[in-house]
Amino acid sequence: MKAKREYRRRPDIEVRVLDALVDRSEDGMTVFELRSHVEAGIDELEDALANLKRDGLIEAGMESGRTLIRPDERVVPDPEEIDEEPSFVDKLIERLPL
């Protein structure tokens, strides 16, 4: 699952982080799990997480002795609103430079 459209006009690494977190929104992910899903260096991932946290798009909390990161509820699309195939407009928006 992907983050809502309005949160996709961010740097690529941040979008990949949001998409990975949305996919596991119930369970959350550790930094190590995120790093393997996003395939980014730790510095790049750290910057992306800091920006997303600053903008209130993610939250982190301790659970069973592990720090888990989850997307904010407003980033997660409603399952009923999810289109299987992106529209032509969605494809154009994704190609536009930031």
N, C-alpha and C. Protein backbone atom coordinates (compact mmCIF):
# COMPACT_ATOMS: atom_id res chain seq x y z
N MET A 1 0.85 -1.17 0.00
CA MET A 1 0.00 0.00 0.00
C MET A 1 0.90 1.24 0.00
N LYS A 2 0.42 2.29 -0.60
CA LYS A 2 1.18 3.52 -0.69
C LYS A 2 0.54 4.61 0.16
N ALA A 3 1.36 5.58 0.55
CA ALA A 3 0.87 6.72 1.30
C ALA A 3 -0.12 7.51 0.42
N LYS A 4 -0.98 8.28 1.06
CA LYS A 4 -1.95 9.08 0.32
C LYS A 4 -1.25 10.00 -0.67
N ARG A 5 -1.93 10.30 -1.72
CA ARG A 5 -1.39 11.11 -2.82
C ARG A 5 -0.82 12.45 -2.35
N GLU A 6 -1.48 13.11 -1.42
CA GLU A 6 -1.02 14.43 -0.98
C GLU A 6 0.31 14.40 -0.24
N TYR A 7 0.77 13.21 0.12
CA TYR A 7 2.07 13.09 0.82
C TYR A 7 3.15 12.52 -0.10
N ARG A 8 2.89 12.44 -1.37
CA ARG A 8 3.83 11.85 -2.31
C ARG A 8 4.72 12.88 -3.01
N ARG A 9 4.45 14.16 -2.78
CA ARG A 9 5.26 15.22 -3.38
C ARG A 9 6.37 15.64 -2.42
N ARG A 10 7.15 14.68 -2.03
CA ARG A 10 8.27 14.89 -1.11
C ARG A 10 9.49 14.24 -1.75
N PRO A 11 10.66 14.46 -1.18
CA PRO A 11 11.85 13.78 -1.72
C PRO A 11 11.62 12.26 -1.77
N ASP A 12 12.22 11.63 -2.77
CA ASP A 12 12.04 10.20 -3.02
C ASP A 12 12.25 9.33 -1.78
N ILE A 13 13.29 9.57 -1.04
CA ILE A 13 13.58 8.75 0.15
C ILE A 13 12.44 8.86 1.17
N GLU A 14 11.87 10.04 1.33
CA GLU A 14 10.77 10.23 2.28
C GLU A 14 9.52 9.49 1.82
N VAL A 15 9.26 9.51 0.53
CA VAL A 15 8.10 8.78 -0.01
C VAL A 15 8.29 7.27 0.18
N ARG A 16 9.51 6.79 -0.06
CA ARG A 16 9.78 5.36 0.12
C ARG A 16 9.61 4.96 1.59
N VAL A 17 10.03 5.82 2.51
CA VAL A 17 9.86 5.55 3.94
C VAL A 17 8.37 5.51 4.28
N LEU A 18 7.63 6.52 3.83
CA LEU A 18 6.19 6.54 4.11
C LEU A 18 5.49 5.31 3.55
N ASP A 19 5.83 4.93 2.32
CA ASP A 19 5.20 3.74 1.72
C ASP A 19 5.50 2.48 2.53
N ALA A 20 6.74 2.33 2.96
CA ALA A 20 7.11 1.16 3.76
C ALA A 20 6.34 1.16 5.08
N LEU A 21 6.23 2.32 5.71
CA LEU A 21 5.53 2.41 6.99
C LEU A 21 4.03 2.18 6.83
N VAL A 22 3.46 2.70 5.75
CA VAL A 22 2.02 2.49 5.50
C VAL A 22 1.74 1.01 5.32
N ASP A 23 2.65 0.33 4.65
CA ASP A 23 2.51 -1.11 4.44
C ASP A 23 2.44 -1.88 5.76
N ARG A 24 3.12 -1.38 6.77
CA ARG A 24 3.16 -2.04 8.08
C ARG A 24 2.66 -1.10 9.18
N SER A 25 1.62 -0.35 8.87
CA SER A 25 1.15 0.69 9.79
C SER A 25 0.69 0.15 11.14
N GLU A 26 0.15 -1.02 11.19
CA GLU A 26 -0.32 -1.60 12.45
C GLU A 26 0.84 -2.03 13.34
N ASP A 27 1.83 -2.70 12.74
CA ASP A 27 2.94 -3.25 13.50
C ASP A 27 4.05 -2.25 13.75
N GLY A 28 4.23 -1.30 12.84
CA GLY A 28 5.36 -0.39 12.92
C GLY A 28 6.63 -1.07 12.45
N MET A 29 7.69 -0.30 12.33
CA MET A 29 8.96 -0.83 11.86
C MET A 29 10.10 -0.22 12.67
N THR A 30 11.15 -1.01 12.86
CA THR A 30 12.36 -0.48 13.49
C THR A 30 13.17 0.23 12.40
N VAL A 31 14.17 0.99 12.81
CA VAL A 31 15.04 1.66 11.84
C VAL A 31 15.72 0.64 10.95
N PHE A 32 16.13 -0.49 11.52
CA PHE A 32 16.81 -1.52 10.73
C PHE A 32 15.87 -2.13 9.69
N GLU A 33 14.62 -2.38 10.07
CA GLU A 33 13.65 -2.90 9.12
C GLU A 33 13.40 -1.89 8.00
N LEU A 34 13.26 -0.62 8.38
CA LEU A 34 13.06 0.42 7.39
C LEU A 34 14.23 0.50 6.43
N ARG A 35 15.42 0.42 6.98
CA ARG A 35 16.62 0.52 6.15
C ARG A 35 16.65 -0.58 5.10
N SER A 36 16.25 -1.79 5.47
CA SER A 36 16.26 -2.88 4.49
C SER A 36 15.15 -2.74 3.46
N HIS A 37 14.02 -2.16 3.82
CA HIS A 37 12.92 -1.98 2.87
C HIS A 37 13.14 -0.79 1.94
N VAL A 38 13.78 0.23 2.45
CA VAL A 38 13.96 1.46 1.68
C VAL A 38 15.27 1.43 0.88
N GLU A 39 16.19 0.58 1.30
CA GLU A 39 17.50 0.45 0.66
C GLU A 39 18.20 1.81 0.58
N ALA A 40 18.46 2.36 1.75
CA ALA A 40 19.13 3.66 1.85
C ALA A 40 20.19 3.59 2.93
N GLY A 41 21.16 4.47 2.82
CA GLY A 41 22.19 4.57 3.84
C GLY A 41 21.60 5.13 5.12
N ILE A 42 22.27 4.87 6.22
CA ILE A 42 21.74 5.28 7.52
C ILE A 42 21.64 6.80 7.64
N ASP A 43 22.59 7.54 7.07
CA ASP A 43 22.53 9.01 7.14
C ASP A 43 21.35 9.55 6.35
N GLU A 44 21.16 9.01 5.16
CA GLU A 44 20.04 9.42 4.32
C GLU A 44 18.71 9.08 5.00
N LEU A 45 18.63 7.90 5.58
CA LEU A 45 17.41 7.48 6.27
C LEU A 45 17.16 8.34 7.51
N GLU A 46 18.21 8.65 8.22
CA GLU A 46 18.10 9.49 9.42
C GLU A 46 17.55 10.87 9.07
N ASP A 47 18.05 11.46 7.99
CA ASP A 47 17.56 12.77 7.55
C ASP A 47 16.09 12.70 7.16
N ALA A 48 15.72 11.65 6.43
CA ALA A 48 14.33 11.49 6.00
C ALA A 48 13.41 11.34 7.21
N LEU A 49 13.82 10.53 8.17
CA LEU A 49 13.01 10.34 9.38
C LEU A 49 12.86 11.64 10.16
N ALA A 50 13.94 12.40 10.25
CA ALA A 50 13.89 13.68 10.96
C ALA A 50 12.91 14.64 10.29
N ASN A 51 12.94 14.70 8.96
CA ASN A 51 12.03 15.58 8.22
C ASN A 51 10.58 15.14 8.39
N LEU A 52 10.33 13.84 8.30
CA LEU A 52 8.97 13.32 8.44
C LEU A 52 8.46 13.54 9.87
N LYS A 53 9.31 13.36 10.84
CA LYS A 53 8.93 13.59 12.25
C LYS A 53 8.61 15.06 12.47
N ARG A 54 9.47 15.93 11.94
CA ARG A 54 9.27 17.38 12.08
C ARG A 54 7.92 17.80 11.50
N ASP A 55 7.53 17.18 10.39
CA ASP A 55 6.27 17.53 9.74
C ASP A 55 5.08 16.78 10.31
N GLY A 56 5.30 15.96 11.34
CA GLY A 56 4.21 15.24 12.00
C GLY A 56 3.64 14.09 11.20
N LEU A 57 4.42 13.54 10.27
CA LEU A 57 3.91 12.46 9.42
C LEU A 57 4.25 11.07 9.94
N ILE A 58 5.13 11.00 10.93
CA ILE A 58 5.46 9.72 11.57
C ILE A 58 5.51 9.93 13.08
N GLU A 59 5.41 8.83 13.79
CA GLU A 59 5.54 8.85 15.25
C GLU A 59 6.35 7.65 15.67
N ALA A 60 7.12 7.81 16.72
CA ALA A 60 7.96 6.72 17.21
C ALA A 60 7.61 6.46 18.67
N GLY A 61 7.68 5.19 19.05
CA GLY A 61 7.39 4.82 20.42
C GLY A 61 8.06 3.51 20.78
N MET A 62 8.24 3.30 22.08
CA MET A 62 8.86 2.08 22.58
C MET A 62 7.79 1.01 22.76
N GLU A 63 8.15 -0.19 22.33
CA GLU A 63 7.26 -1.33 22.48
C GLU A 63 8.11 -2.58 22.64
N SER A 64 7.96 -3.27 23.72
CA SER A 64 8.74 -4.49 23.98
C SER A 64 10.24 -4.23 23.87
N GLY A 65 10.68 -3.08 24.35
CA GLY A 65 12.10 -2.76 24.35
C GLY A 65 12.65 -2.34 23.00
N ARG A 66 11.77 -2.14 22.01
CA ARG A 66 12.21 -1.72 20.68
C ARG A 66 11.54 -0.41 20.31
N THR A 67 12.25 0.42 19.59
CA THR A 67 11.65 1.65 19.08
C THR A 67 10.99 1.35 17.75
N LEU A 68 9.68 1.55 17.69
CA LEU A 68 8.92 1.29 16.48
C LEU A 68 8.42 2.61 15.90
N ILE A 69 8.52 2.71 14.61
CA ILE A 69 8.09 3.91 13.89
C ILE A 69 6.84 3.56 13.12
N ARG A 70 5.84 4.44 13.21
CA ARG A 70 4.57 4.24 12.50
C ARG A 70 4.20 5.52 11.77
N PRO A 71 3.44 5.39 10.70
CA PRO A 71 2.97 6.60 10.00
C PRO A 71 1.83 7.24 10.79
N ASP A 72 1.69 8.53 10.68
CA ASP A 72 0.55 9.22 11.25
C ASP A 72 -0.70 8.72 10.51
N GLU A 73 -1.83 8.67 11.20
CA GLU A 73 -3.07 8.14 10.62
C GLU A 73 -3.48 8.85 9.34
N ARG A 74 -3.18 10.15 9.25
CA ARG A 74 -3.62 10.90 8.06
C ARG A 74 -2.86 10.51 6.80
N VAL A 75 -1.72 9.81 6.94
CA VAL A 75 -0.92 9.39 5.80
C VAL A 75 -1.44 8.09 5.20
N VAL A 76 -2.11 7.29 6.03
CA VAL A 76 -2.59 5.97 5.61
C VAL A 76 -3.91 6.12 4.86
N PRO A 77 -3.96 5.63 3.61
CA PRO A 77 -5.21 5.75 2.85
C PRO A 77 -6.30 4.83 3.39
N ASP A 78 -7.53 5.24 3.20
CA ASP A 78 -8.68 4.42 3.56
C ASP A 78 -8.72 3.26 2.57
N PRO A 79 -8.79 2.02 3.05
CA PRO A 79 -8.78 0.86 2.14
C PRO A 79 -9.85 0.93 1.06
N GLU A 80 -10.98 1.57 1.33
CA GLU A 80 -12.04 1.68 0.34
C GLU A 80 -11.71 2.67 -0.77
N GLU A 81 -10.76 3.58 -0.51
CA GLU A 81 -10.42 4.60 -1.50
C GLU A 81 -9.21 4.22 -2.35
N ILE A 82 -8.64 3.06 -2.11
CA ILE A 82 -7.43 2.67 -2.82
C ILE A 82 -7.77 2.19 -4.22
N ASP A 83 -7.12 2.80 -5.20
CA ASP A 83 -7.26 2.36 -6.59
C ASP A 83 -6.15 1.37 -6.86
N GLU A 84 -6.46 0.29 -7.52
CA GLU A 84 -5.45 -0.70 -7.87
C GLU A 84 -4.45 -0.13 -8.87
N GLU A 85 -4.95 0.56 -9.87
CA GLU A 85 -4.10 1.12 -10.92
C GLU A 85 -4.08 2.64 -10.77
N PRO A 86 -2.87 3.25 -10.69
CA PRO A 86 -2.82 4.71 -10.58
C PRO A 86 -3.42 5.37 -11.83
N SER A 87 -4.10 6.48 -11.62
CA SER A 87 -4.70 7.19 -12.74
C SER A 87 -3.62 7.88 -13.56
N PHE A 88 -4.02 8.35 -14.72
CA PHE A 88 -3.11 9.08 -15.60
C PHE A 88 -2.56 10.31 -14.88
N VAL A 89 -3.42 11.00 -14.15
CA VAL A 89 -3.02 12.20 -13.41
C VAL A 89 -2.01 11.82 -12.32
N ASP A 90 -2.24 10.73 -11.62
CA ASP A 90 -1.30 10.27 -10.59
C ASP A 90 0.08 10.02 -11.18
N LYS A 91 0.10 9.39 -12.35
CA LYS A 91 1.37 9.11 -13.00
C LYS A 91 2.09 10.39 -13.40
N LEU A 92 1.34 11.38 -13.88
CA LEU A 92 1.94 12.67 -14.24
C LEU A 92 2.50 13.38 -13.01
N ILE A 93 1.75 13.38 -11.94
CA ILE A 93 2.19 14.05 -10.71
C ILE A 93 3.48 13.42 -10.20
N GLU A 94 3.58 12.11 -10.24
CA GLU A 94 4.79 11.44 -9.77
C GLU A 94 6.02 11.78 -10.60
N ARG A 95 5.81 12.14 -11.86
CA ARG A 95 6.93 12.47 -12.74
C ARG A 95 7.38 13.92 -12.63
N LEU A 96 6.53 14.77 -12.07
CA LEU A 96 6.88 16.18 -11.96
C LEU A 96 8.03 16.36 -10.97
N PRO A 97 8.97 17.24 -11.30
CA PRO A 97 10.07 17.50 -10.35
C PRO A 97 9.55 18.25 -9.13
N LEU A 98 10.23 18.08 -8.03
CA LEU A 98 9.81 18.79 -6.79
C LEU A 98 10.09 20.24 -6.86
